[in-house]
Amino acid sequence: MNPPRIRIKEHRRVRACELEPHPQNPRIHPELQSRALADLLAEVGFARSLLAYETTQGKLRLIDGHLRRGLLADAEVVVEVLDVNEEEARALLLSIDPLSALAVNDEPALEALRQQAVTASALVREMWNSIGKEGEKTKEALADCEKRPALTANYLVLVDCASEQEQGRLLEELQERGMSCKALIS
């Protein structure tokens, strides 16, 4: 594999409210998630940059960090600015969280980390305890998809018949020619 292109253009400090939310962001952040992030921000502070790209109008549009933008609206945040177009931004918008969810956990290491990590927040503690459970459905769906045989092309002809008798005659004629066919009624 050739080395990938480096698409990180720069890091900028801007007020969070100046960032434009991506209009196609499919994620909805429930109140519980907002409270857990607020607790973590209060305990640890701002520790992860937001991800954005510059639109043709010169605005920074978010790819990742919509919830942080909402919680930290008036605060200055660090934004990792990418050199991507709208199509690439949509691909990243659909890929970043699901790719992360595909990671598997080293259970002994995860448990040791849980035991050593300290938080005063019950929500953060519960989030830590749930690690490893949220990605299982995604992994199962991908595994099922890989097991399915590849789709093959089928070339079908649908003929509208005036009556059931005409359908029967045509079906019989085609079967006599060695064609695989069946009758459908709608």
N, C-alpha and C. Protein backbone atom coordinates (compact mmCIF):
# COMPACT_ATOMS: atom_id res chain seq x y z
N MET A 1 0.84 -1.18 0.00
CA MET A 1 0.00 0.00 0.00
C MET A 1 0.88 1.24 0.00
N ASN A 2 0.58 2.17 -0.88
CA ASN A 2 1.30 3.43 -0.92
C ASN A 2 0.94 4.26 0.30
N PRO A 3 1.87 5.10 0.75
CA PRO A 3 1.52 5.96 1.89
C PRO A 3 0.34 6.86 1.54
N PRO A 4 -0.60 7.01 2.46
CA PRO A 4 -1.76 7.86 2.18
C PRO A 4 -1.36 9.33 2.14
N ARG A 5 -2.15 10.11 1.42
CA ARG A 5 -1.93 11.56 1.38
C ARG A 5 -2.22 12.13 2.76
N ILE A 6 -1.43 13.07 3.19
CA ILE A 6 -1.68 13.78 4.45
C ILE A 6 -2.67 14.89 4.13
N ARG A 7 -3.85 14.81 4.73
CA ARG A 7 -4.92 15.77 4.42
C ARG A 7 -5.10 16.82 5.51
N ILE A 8 -4.30 16.74 6.56
CA ILE A 8 -4.38 17.73 7.64
C ILE A 8 -3.65 18.98 7.16
N LYS A 9 -4.41 20.05 7.05
CA LYS A 9 -3.88 21.30 6.54
C LYS A 9 -3.27 22.15 7.65
N GLU A 10 -3.98 22.23 8.77
CA GLU A 10 -3.51 23.07 9.88
C GLU A 10 -4.36 22.82 11.11
N HIS A 11 -3.92 23.40 12.21
CA HIS A 11 -4.71 23.44 13.45
C HIS A 11 -4.99 24.91 13.74
N ARG A 12 -6.26 25.21 14.04
CA ARG A 12 -6.66 26.59 14.32
C ARG A 12 -7.39 26.65 15.64
N ARG A 13 -7.24 27.78 16.30
CA ARG A 13 -8.02 28.06 17.51
C ARG A 13 -9.14 29.01 17.11
N VAL A 14 -10.38 28.58 17.34
CA VAL A 14 -11.54 29.41 17.02
C VAL A 14 -12.59 29.23 18.10
N ARG A 15 -13.52 30.16 18.17
CA ARG A 15 -14.67 29.98 19.07
C ARG A 15 -15.54 28.89 18.48
N ALA A 16 -15.99 27.98 19.30
CA ALA A 16 -16.77 26.83 18.83
C ALA A 16 -18.00 27.25 18.03
N CYS A 17 -18.64 28.33 18.45
CA CYS A 17 -19.87 28.77 17.77
C CYS A 17 -19.61 29.27 16.35
N GLU A 18 -18.35 29.52 16.00
CA GLU A 18 -18.01 29.97 14.65
C GLU A 18 -17.94 28.80 13.66
N LEU A 19 -17.96 27.59 14.17
CA LEU A 19 -17.91 26.40 13.33
C LEU A 19 -19.31 26.08 12.81
N GLU A 20 -19.40 25.76 11.55
CA GLU A 20 -20.69 25.44 10.93
C GLU A 20 -20.95 23.93 11.10
N PRO A 21 -22.06 23.55 11.71
CA PRO A 21 -22.38 22.12 11.79
C PRO A 21 -22.59 21.56 10.38
N HIS A 22 -22.19 20.32 10.18
CA HIS A 22 -22.42 19.72 8.86
C HIS A 22 -23.92 19.46 8.71
N PRO A 23 -24.53 19.94 7.63
CA PRO A 23 -25.99 19.78 7.48
C PRO A 23 -26.43 18.33 7.31
N GLN A 24 -25.50 17.43 6.98
CA GLN A 24 -25.86 16.02 6.81
C GLN A 24 -25.40 15.15 7.97
N ASN A 25 -24.98 15.76 9.07
CA ASN A 25 -24.55 14.96 10.22
C ASN A 25 -25.71 14.08 10.68
N PRO A 26 -25.54 12.75 10.64
CA PRO A 26 -26.66 11.87 11.00
C PRO A 26 -26.77 11.59 12.49
N ARG A 27 -25.80 12.03 13.27
CA ARG A 27 -25.81 11.69 14.69
C ARG A 27 -26.65 12.66 15.51
N ILE A 28 -27.43 12.07 16.39
CA ILE A 28 -28.22 12.83 17.35
C ILE A 28 -27.64 12.52 18.71
N HIS A 29 -27.31 13.55 19.46
CA HIS A 29 -26.66 13.36 20.75
C HIS A 29 -27.69 13.48 21.87
N PRO A 30 -28.00 12.36 22.52
CA PRO A 30 -28.99 12.41 23.60
C PRO A 30 -28.47 13.17 24.82
N GLU A 31 -29.38 13.57 25.66
CA GLU A 31 -29.05 14.33 26.87
C GLU A 31 -28.03 13.59 27.73
N LEU A 32 -28.17 12.29 27.84
CA LEU A 32 -27.25 11.49 28.65
C LEU A 32 -25.81 11.63 28.15
N GLN A 33 -25.63 11.59 26.85
CA GLN A 33 -24.30 11.76 26.27
C GLN A 33 -23.77 13.16 26.54
N SER A 34 -24.62 14.15 26.41
CA SER A 34 -24.21 15.54 26.67
C SER A 34 -23.75 15.71 28.11
N ARG A 35 -24.49 15.11 29.04
CA ARG A 35 -24.12 15.23 30.46
C ARG A 35 -22.81 14.50 30.74
N ALA A 36 -22.61 13.33 30.14
CA ALA A 36 -21.37 12.58 30.35
C ALA A 36 -20.18 13.37 29.80
N LEU A 37 -20.33 13.95 28.61
CA LEU A 37 -19.24 14.75 28.05
C LEU A 37 -18.99 15.99 28.90
N ALA A 38 -20.04 16.64 29.37
CA ALA A 38 -19.87 17.82 30.24
C ALA A 38 -19.11 17.44 31.51
N ASP A 39 -19.43 16.28 32.08
CA ASP A 39 -18.72 15.82 33.28
C ASP A 39 -17.24 15.59 32.97
N LEU A 40 -16.96 14.95 31.85
CA LEU A 40 -15.58 14.68 31.48
C LEU A 40 -14.81 15.97 31.19
N LEU A 41 -15.46 16.92 30.52
CA LEU A 41 -14.82 18.21 30.28
C LEU A 41 -14.51 18.93 31.59
N ALA A 42 -15.41 18.82 32.56
CA ALA A 42 -15.19 19.46 33.86
C ALA A 42 -14.04 18.81 34.61
N GLU A 43 -13.91 17.49 34.50
CA GLU A 43 -12.86 16.77 35.23
C GLU A 43 -11.50 16.87 34.56
N VAL A 44 -11.46 16.70 33.24
CA VAL A 44 -10.19 16.60 32.52
C VAL A 44 -9.88 17.86 31.73
N GLY A 45 -10.91 18.47 31.15
CA GLY A 45 -10.71 19.65 30.31
C GLY A 45 -10.83 19.28 28.84
N PHE A 46 -10.61 20.26 27.98
CA PHE A 46 -10.70 20.06 26.53
C PHE A 46 -9.44 19.34 26.08
N ALA A 47 -9.59 18.12 25.55
CA ALA A 47 -8.41 17.31 25.24
C ALA A 47 -8.46 16.68 23.85
N ARG A 48 -9.44 17.02 23.04
CA ARG A 48 -9.55 16.44 21.69
C ARG A 48 -10.04 17.50 20.72
N SER A 49 -9.23 17.73 19.67
CA SER A 49 -9.61 18.76 18.69
C SER A 49 -10.85 18.34 17.92
N LEU A 50 -11.53 19.34 17.39
CA LEU A 50 -12.67 19.10 16.52
C LEU A 50 -12.12 18.95 15.10
N LEU A 51 -12.87 18.31 14.23
CA LEU A 51 -12.41 18.05 12.87
C LEU A 51 -13.32 18.79 11.89
N ALA A 52 -12.70 19.57 10.99
CA ALA A 52 -13.49 20.38 10.06
C ALA A 52 -12.75 20.53 8.74
N TYR A 53 -13.45 21.08 7.77
CA TYR A 53 -12.85 21.42 6.48
C TYR A 53 -13.37 22.79 6.09
N GLU A 54 -12.64 23.43 5.18
CA GLU A 54 -13.03 24.77 4.75
C GLU A 54 -13.94 24.67 3.54
N THR A 55 -15.11 25.32 3.64
CA THR A 55 -16.05 25.33 2.52
C THR A 55 -15.56 26.30 1.45
N THR A 56 -16.20 26.28 0.30
CA THR A 56 -15.82 27.21 -0.77
C THR A 56 -16.10 28.66 -0.37
N GLN A 57 -16.96 28.85 0.64
CA GLN A 57 -17.24 30.20 1.15
C GLN A 57 -16.25 30.60 2.25
N GLY A 58 -15.28 29.74 2.56
CA GLY A 58 -14.27 30.06 3.57
C GLY A 58 -14.67 29.76 4.99
N LYS A 59 -15.82 29.13 5.20
CA LYS A 59 -16.26 28.77 6.56
C LYS A 59 -15.71 27.41 6.94
N LEU A 60 -15.52 27.20 8.23
CA LEU A 60 -15.11 25.88 8.72
C LEU A 60 -16.36 25.07 9.02
N ARG A 61 -16.51 23.93 8.34
CA ARG A 61 -17.67 23.06 8.52
C ARG A 61 -17.21 21.79 9.24
N LEU A 62 -17.93 21.43 10.29
CA LEU A 62 -17.57 20.28 11.10
C LEU A 62 -17.76 18.95 10.39
N ILE A 63 -16.87 18.03 10.68
CA ILE A 63 -17.01 16.63 10.32
C ILE A 63 -17.21 15.84 11.61
N ASP A 64 -16.42 16.16 12.63
CA ASP A 64 -16.51 15.49 13.92
C ASP A 64 -16.38 16.53 15.02
N GLY A 65 -17.26 16.46 16.01
CA GLY A 65 -17.19 17.39 17.13
C GLY A 65 -18.44 18.23 17.30
N HIS A 66 -19.54 17.78 16.74
CA HIS A 66 -20.78 18.56 16.83
C HIS A 66 -21.25 18.74 18.27
N LEU A 67 -21.15 17.71 19.08
CA LEU A 67 -21.58 17.83 20.48
C LEU A 67 -20.66 18.78 21.25
N ARG A 68 -19.35 18.65 21.04
CA ARG A 68 -18.41 19.56 21.71
C ARG A 68 -18.67 21.00 21.29
N ARG A 69 -18.99 21.21 20.02
CA ARG A 69 -19.32 22.56 19.55
C ARG A 69 -20.51 23.10 20.33
N GLY A 70 -21.53 22.28 20.51
CA GLY A 70 -22.72 22.72 21.23
C GLY A 70 -22.45 23.02 22.69
N LEU A 71 -21.66 22.18 23.34
CA LEU A 71 -21.38 22.37 24.77
C LEU A 71 -20.42 23.52 25.03
N LEU A 72 -19.52 23.76 24.10
CA LEU A 72 -18.46 24.77 24.30
C LEU A 72 -18.64 25.98 23.39
N ALA A 73 -19.86 26.32 23.07
CA ALA A 73 -20.17 27.34 22.06
C ALA A 73 -19.35 28.61 22.17
N ASP A 74 -19.19 29.15 23.37
CA ASP A 74 -18.47 30.42 23.53
C ASP A 74 -16.99 30.24 23.83
N ALA A 75 -16.55 29.01 23.97
CA ALA A 75 -15.15 28.75 24.31
C ALA A 75 -14.29 28.65 23.05
N GLU A 76 -13.01 28.93 23.23
CA GLU A 76 -12.06 28.74 22.14
C GLU A 76 -11.68 27.26 22.12
N VAL A 77 -11.72 26.66 20.94
CA VAL A 77 -11.38 25.25 20.78
C VAL A 77 -10.32 25.11 19.70
N VAL A 78 -9.66 23.97 19.69
CA VAL A 78 -8.68 23.68 18.65
C VAL A 78 -9.39 22.86 17.57
N VAL A 79 -9.21 23.28 16.33
CA VAL A 79 -9.84 22.60 15.20
C VAL A 79 -8.74 22.08 14.27
N GLU A 80 -8.83 20.81 13.94
CA GLU A 80 -7.95 20.22 12.95
C GLU A 80 -8.63 20.46 11.60
N VAL A 81 -8.01 21.26 10.75
CA VAL A 81 -8.61 21.63 9.47
C VAL A 81 -8.04 20.72 8.38
N LEU A 82 -8.95 20.06 7.67
CA LEU A 82 -8.55 19.14 6.61
C LEU A 82 -8.65 19.78 5.24
N ASP A 83 -7.85 19.30 4.34
CA ASP A 83 -7.90 19.71 2.94
C ASP A 83 -8.70 18.65 2.18
N VAL A 84 -10.02 18.64 2.39
CA VAL A 84 -10.90 17.68 1.72
C VAL A 84 -12.06 18.43 1.06
N ASN A 85 -12.66 17.79 0.07
CA ASN A 85 -13.83 18.39 -0.56
C ASN A 85 -15.10 17.87 0.11
N GLU A 86 -16.25 18.33 -0.36
CA GLU A 86 -17.52 17.95 0.26
C GLU A 86 -17.76 16.44 0.20
N GLU A 87 -17.45 15.83 -0.93
CA GLU A 87 -17.65 14.37 -1.08
C GLU A 87 -16.79 13.60 -0.08
N GLU A 88 -15.53 14.00 0.06
CA GLU A 88 -14.63 13.34 1.00
C GLU A 88 -15.08 13.58 2.44
N ALA A 89 -15.58 14.78 2.70
CA ALA A 89 -16.09 15.09 4.05
C ALA A 89 -17.27 14.19 4.40
N ARG A 90 -18.16 13.95 3.44
CA ARG A 90 -19.30 13.05 3.69
C ARG A 90 -18.82 11.64 3.98
N ALA A 91 -17.79 11.18 3.25
CA ALA A 91 -17.24 9.84 3.49
C ALA A 91 -16.67 9.75 4.91
N LEU A 92 -15.98 10.79 5.34
CA LEU A 92 -15.44 10.80 6.71
C LEU A 92 -16.56 10.86 7.74
N LEU A 93 -17.57 11.65 7.47
CA LEU A 93 -18.72 11.79 8.37
C LEU A 93 -19.37 10.43 8.62
N LEU A 94 -19.42 9.60 7.59
CA LEU A 94 -20.03 8.27 7.71
C LEU A 94 -19.07 7.21 8.26
N SER A 95 -17.77 7.51 8.30
CA SER A 95 -16.78 6.47 8.61
C SER A 95 -16.08 6.56 9.95
N ILE A 96 -15.88 7.76 10.47
CA ILE A 96 -15.02 7.91 11.64
C ILE A 96 -15.52 7.11 12.84
N ASP A 97 -16.74 7.32 13.27
CA ASP A 97 -17.25 6.59 14.44
C ASP A 97 -17.40 5.10 14.18
N PRO A 98 -17.96 4.66 13.04
CA PRO A 98 -18.07 3.22 12.80
C PRO A 98 -16.71 2.51 12.74
N LEU A 99 -15.69 3.16 12.18
CA LEU A 99 -14.36 2.54 12.16
C LEU A 99 -13.84 2.34 13.57
N SER A 100 -14.02 3.32 14.40
CA SER A 100 -13.61 3.21 15.79
C SER A 100 -14.35 2.09 16.50
N ALA A 101 -15.62 1.93 16.19
CA ALA A 101 -16.44 0.90 16.84
C ALA A 101 -16.02 -0.51 16.44
N LEU A 102 -15.27 -0.66 15.35
CA LEU A 102 -14.83 -1.98 14.91
C LEU A 102 -13.64 -2.51 15.72
N ALA A 103 -12.99 -1.66 16.49
CA ALA A 103 -11.86 -2.11 17.29
C ALA A 103 -12.31 -3.14 18.31
N VAL A 104 -11.44 -4.10 18.57
CA VAL A 104 -11.73 -5.08 19.62
C VAL A 104 -10.91 -4.71 20.85
N ASN A 105 -11.37 -5.14 21.99
CA ASN A 105 -10.70 -4.79 23.23
C ASN A 105 -9.88 -5.95 23.76
N ASP A 106 -8.73 -5.62 24.31
CA ASP A 106 -7.95 -6.57 25.09
C ASP A 106 -8.60 -6.54 26.47
N GLU A 107 -9.42 -7.53 26.76
CA GLU A 107 -10.24 -7.50 27.98
C GLU A 107 -9.43 -7.32 29.26
N PRO A 108 -8.31 -8.05 29.46
CA PRO A 108 -7.54 -7.81 30.70
C PRO A 108 -7.01 -6.38 30.79
N ALA A 109 -6.53 -5.85 29.67
CA ALA A 109 -6.02 -4.47 29.68
C ALA A 109 -7.15 -3.48 29.93
N LEU A 110 -8.31 -3.73 29.32
CA LEU A 110 -9.47 -2.86 29.52
C LEU A 110 -9.90 -2.87 30.98
N GLU A 111 -9.97 -4.04 31.57
CA GLU A 111 -10.39 -4.14 32.97
C GLU A 111 -9.38 -3.45 33.90
N ALA A 112 -8.09 -3.62 33.62
CA ALA A 112 -7.06 -2.96 34.44
C ALA A 112 -7.19 -1.45 34.32
N LEU A 113 -7.43 -0.96 33.11
CA LEU A 113 -7.59 0.48 32.91
C LEU A 113 -8.82 0.99 33.65
N ARG A 114 -9.92 0.24 33.59
CA ARG A 114 -11.13 0.63 34.32
C ARG A 114 -10.86 0.74 35.82
N GLN A 115 -10.08 -0.20 36.34
CA GLN A 115 -9.79 -0.20 37.78
C GLN A 115 -8.92 0.99 38.18
N GLN A 116 -8.03 1.42 37.28
CA GLN A 116 -7.09 2.49 37.61
C GLN A 116 -7.63 3.88 37.32
N ALA A 117 -8.55 3.99 36.38
CA ALA A 117 -9.09 5.31 36.01
C ALA A 117 -10.00 5.82 37.11
N VAL A 118 -9.93 7.11 37.34
CA VAL A 118 -10.70 7.72 38.43
C VAL A 118 -11.64 8.78 37.86
N THR A 119 -12.88 8.75 38.32
CA THR A 119 -13.85 9.78 37.95
C THR A 119 -14.83 9.96 39.09
N ALA A 120 -15.29 11.18 39.26
CA ALA A 120 -16.33 11.46 40.25
C ALA A 120 -17.71 11.33 39.62
N SER A 121 -17.75 11.18 38.30
CA SER A 121 -19.02 11.16 37.58
C SER A 121 -19.55 9.74 37.43
N ALA A 122 -20.76 9.52 37.91
CA ALA A 122 -21.41 8.22 37.73
C ALA A 122 -21.66 7.94 36.25
N LEU A 123 -21.98 8.99 35.49
CA LEU A 123 -22.22 8.81 34.06
C LEU A 123 -20.96 8.37 33.32
N VAL A 124 -19.84 9.00 33.64
CA VAL A 124 -18.58 8.63 33.00
C VAL A 124 -18.20 7.21 33.39
N ARG A 125 -18.37 6.86 34.65
CA ARG A 125 -18.07 5.51 35.12
C ARG A 125 -18.92 4.48 34.36
N GLU A 126 -20.20 4.76 34.21
CA GLU A 126 -21.09 3.84 33.48
C GLU A 126 -20.68 3.73 32.02
N MET A 127 -20.26 4.84 31.43
CA MET A 127 -19.77 4.81 30.05
C MET A 127 -18.55 3.90 29.95
N TRP A 128 -17.63 4.04 30.88
CA TRP A 128 -16.44 3.19 30.88
C TRP A 128 -16.83 1.72 31.02
N ASN A 129 -17.81 1.44 31.87
CA ASN A 129 -18.24 0.06 32.08
C ASN A 129 -18.93 -0.53 30.85
N SER A 130 -19.47 0.33 29.99
CA SER A 130 -20.17 -0.16 28.79
C SER A 130 -19.24 -0.38 27.60
N ILE A 131 -17.98 -0.01 27.73
CA ILE A 131 -17.04 -0.16 26.62
C ILE A 131 -16.99 -1.62 26.18
N GLY A 132 -17.08 -1.82 24.89
CA GLY A 132 -17.01 -3.16 24.33
C GLY A 132 -18.37 -3.72 23.96
N LYS A 133 -19.41 -3.17 24.52
CA LYS A 133 -20.75 -3.68 24.25
C LYS A 133 -21.39 -2.99 23.06
N GLU A 134 -21.06 -1.72 22.84
CA GLU A 134 -21.75 -0.93 21.82
C GLU A 134 -21.40 -1.32 20.39
N GLY A 135 -20.22 -1.86 20.15
CA GLY A 135 -19.83 -2.17 18.78
C GLY A 135 -20.17 -3.57 18.32
N GLU A 136 -20.69 -4.41 19.20
CA GLU A 136 -20.95 -5.80 18.85
C GLU A 136 -21.95 -5.95 17.70
N LYS A 137 -23.02 -5.17 17.70
CA LYS A 137 -24.02 -5.28 16.63
C LYS A 137 -23.42 -4.90 15.28
N THR A 138 -22.59 -3.86 15.27
CA THR A 138 -21.95 -3.44 14.02
C THR A 138 -21.03 -4.54 13.51
N LYS A 139 -20.23 -5.12 14.41
CA LYS A 139 -19.31 -6.19 14.01
C LYS A 139 -20.08 -7.40 13.50
N GLU A 140 -21.17 -7.75 14.16
CA GLU A 140 -21.98 -8.89 13.72
C GLU A 140 -22.57 -8.64 12.33
N ALA A 141 -23.05 -7.43 12.10
CA ALA A 141 -23.63 -7.10 10.80
C ALA A 141 -22.58 -7.19 9.69
N LEU A 142 -21.36 -6.70 9.96
CA LEU A 142 -20.30 -6.77 8.96
C LEU A 142 -19.88 -8.22 8.71
N ALA A 143 -19.80 -9.02 9.78
CA ALA A 143 -19.44 -10.43 9.62
C ALA A 143 -20.50 -11.16 8.80
N ASP A 144 -21.78 -10.88 9.06
CA ASP A 144 -22.87 -11.49 8.28
C ASP A 144 -22.77 -11.09 6.81
N CYS A 145 -22.43 -9.85 6.58
CA CYS A 145 -22.31 -9.34 5.21
C CYS A 145 -21.20 -10.08 4.46
N GLU A 146 -20.08 -10.35 5.15
CA GLU A 146 -18.96 -11.05 4.52
C GLU A 146 -19.31 -12.50 4.21
N LYS A 147 -20.21 -13.10 4.99
CA LYS A 147 -20.59 -14.50 4.78
C LYS A 147 -21.53 -14.68 3.60
N ARG A 148 -22.26 -13.64 3.26
CA ARG A 148 -23.23 -13.73 2.16
C ARG A 148 -22.51 -13.92 0.83
N PRO A 149 -23.05 -14.77 -0.03
CA PRO A 149 -22.43 -14.91 -1.35
C PRO A 149 -22.58 -13.61 -2.14
N ALA A 150 -21.61 -13.39 -3.00
CA ALA A 150 -21.66 -12.19 -3.84
C ALA A 150 -22.90 -12.26 -4.73
N LEU A 151 -23.49 -11.13 -4.96
CA LEU A 151 -24.66 -11.08 -5.84
C LEU A 151 -24.23 -11.35 -7.28
N THR A 152 -25.04 -12.12 -7.97
CA THR A 152 -24.78 -12.37 -9.38
C THR A 152 -25.88 -11.71 -10.20
N ALA A 153 -25.53 -11.36 -11.42
CA ALA A 153 -26.50 -10.70 -12.29
C ALA A 153 -27.55 -11.71 -12.75
N ASN A 154 -28.79 -11.31 -12.73
CA ASN A 154 -29.90 -12.09 -13.27
C ASN A 154 -30.54 -11.27 -14.38
N TYR A 155 -30.83 -11.93 -15.47
CA TYR A 155 -31.46 -11.25 -16.59
C TYR A 155 -32.87 -11.80 -16.72
N LEU A 156 -33.84 -11.00 -16.41
CA LEU A 156 -35.22 -11.43 -16.34
C LEU A 156 -36.06 -10.72 -17.38
N VAL A 157 -37.12 -11.41 -17.78
CA VAL A 157 -38.11 -10.81 -18.67
C VAL A 157 -39.46 -10.99 -18.00
N LEU A 158 -40.21 -9.94 -17.89
CA LEU A 158 -41.56 -10.00 -17.32
C LEU A 158 -42.54 -9.70 -18.45
N VAL A 159 -43.44 -10.63 -18.67
CA VAL A 159 -44.41 -10.46 -19.75
C VAL A 159 -45.80 -10.34 -19.14
N ASP A 160 -46.51 -9.28 -19.48
CA ASP A 160 -47.90 -9.12 -19.04
C ASP A 160 -48.79 -9.93 -19.98
N CYS A 161 -49.59 -10.81 -19.40
CA CYS A 161 -50.51 -11.64 -20.19
C CYS A 161 -51.94 -11.15 -19.98
N ALA A 162 -52.75 -11.32 -21.01
CA ALA A 162 -54.14 -10.85 -20.94
C ALA A 162 -55.01 -11.74 -20.06
N SER A 163 -54.60 -13.01 -19.91
CA SER A 163 -55.43 -13.94 -19.11
C SER A 163 -54.55 -15.02 -18.51
N GLU A 164 -55.13 -15.77 -17.60
CA GLU A 164 -54.42 -16.88 -16.98
C GLU A 164 -54.13 -17.96 -18.03
N GLN A 165 -55.05 -18.14 -18.97
CA GLN A 165 -54.85 -19.14 -20.02
C GLN A 165 -53.65 -18.77 -20.89
N GLU A 166 -53.55 -17.49 -21.27
CA GLU A 166 -52.41 -17.04 -22.08
C GLU A 166 -51.11 -17.23 -21.31
N GLN A 167 -51.14 -16.93 -20.02
CA GLN A 167 -49.96 -17.10 -19.18
C GLN A 167 -49.54 -18.57 -19.18
N GLY A 168 -50.51 -19.48 -19.01
CA GLY A 168 -50.22 -20.92 -18.99
C GLY A 168 -49.62 -21.40 -20.30
N ARG A 169 -50.19 -20.95 -21.43
CA ARG A 169 -49.66 -21.36 -22.75
C ARG A 169 -48.23 -20.85 -22.95
N LEU A 170 -47.99 -19.59 -22.59
CA LEU A 170 -46.66 -19.01 -22.76
C LEU A 170 -45.64 -19.70 -21.85
N LEU A 171 -46.03 -19.99 -20.63
CA LEU A 171 -45.17 -20.67 -19.68
C LEU A 171 -44.79 -22.05 -20.22
N GLU A 172 -45.78 -22.78 -20.72
CA GLU A 172 -45.54 -24.11 -21.27
C GLU A 172 -44.60 -24.05 -22.48
N GLU A 173 -44.83 -23.09 -23.36
CA GLU A 173 -44.00 -22.93 -24.55
C GLU A 173 -42.54 -22.64 -24.18
N LEU A 174 -42.34 -21.76 -23.21
CA LEU A 174 -40.97 -21.40 -22.80
C LEU A 174 -40.28 -22.57 -22.11
N GLN A 175 -41.01 -23.32 -21.30
CA GLN A 175 -40.43 -24.47 -20.62
C GLN A 175 -40.04 -25.55 -21.64
N GLU A 176 -40.84 -25.72 -22.70
CA GLU A 176 -40.51 -26.67 -23.76
C GLU A 176 -39.22 -26.27 -24.46
N ARG A 177 -38.92 -24.99 -24.51
CA ARG A 177 -37.67 -24.49 -25.12
C ARG A 177 -36.49 -24.62 -24.15
N GLY A 178 -36.75 -25.14 -22.94
CA GLY A 178 -35.67 -25.34 -21.96
C GLY A 178 -35.39 -24.13 -21.09
N MET A 179 -36.29 -23.20 -21.07
CA MET A 179 -36.08 -21.99 -20.27
C MET A 179 -36.61 -22.20 -18.85
N SER A 180 -35.88 -21.65 -17.91
CA SER A 180 -36.31 -21.68 -16.52
C SER A 180 -37.27 -20.51 -16.31
N CYS A 181 -38.53 -20.82 -16.00
CA CYS A 181 -39.51 -19.75 -15.84
C CYS A 181 -40.58 -20.16 -14.85
N LYS A 182 -41.29 -19.18 -14.35
CA LYS A 182 -42.36 -19.43 -13.39
C LYS A 182 -43.46 -18.41 -13.59
N ALA A 183 -44.64 -18.79 -13.13
CA ALA A 183 -45.80 -17.91 -13.24
C ALA A 183 -45.89 -17.01 -12.01
N LEU A 184 -46.21 -15.76 -12.24
CA LEU A 184 -46.44 -14.80 -11.15
C LEU A 184 -47.83 -14.20 -11.31
N ILE A 185 -48.48 -13.98 -10.20
CA ILE A 185 -49.80 -13.35 -10.23
C ILE A 185 -49.74 -12.11 -9.36
N SER A 186 -50.21 -10.99 -9.88
CA SER A 186 -50.22 -9.77 -9.06
C SER A 186 -51.61 -9.21 -8.96
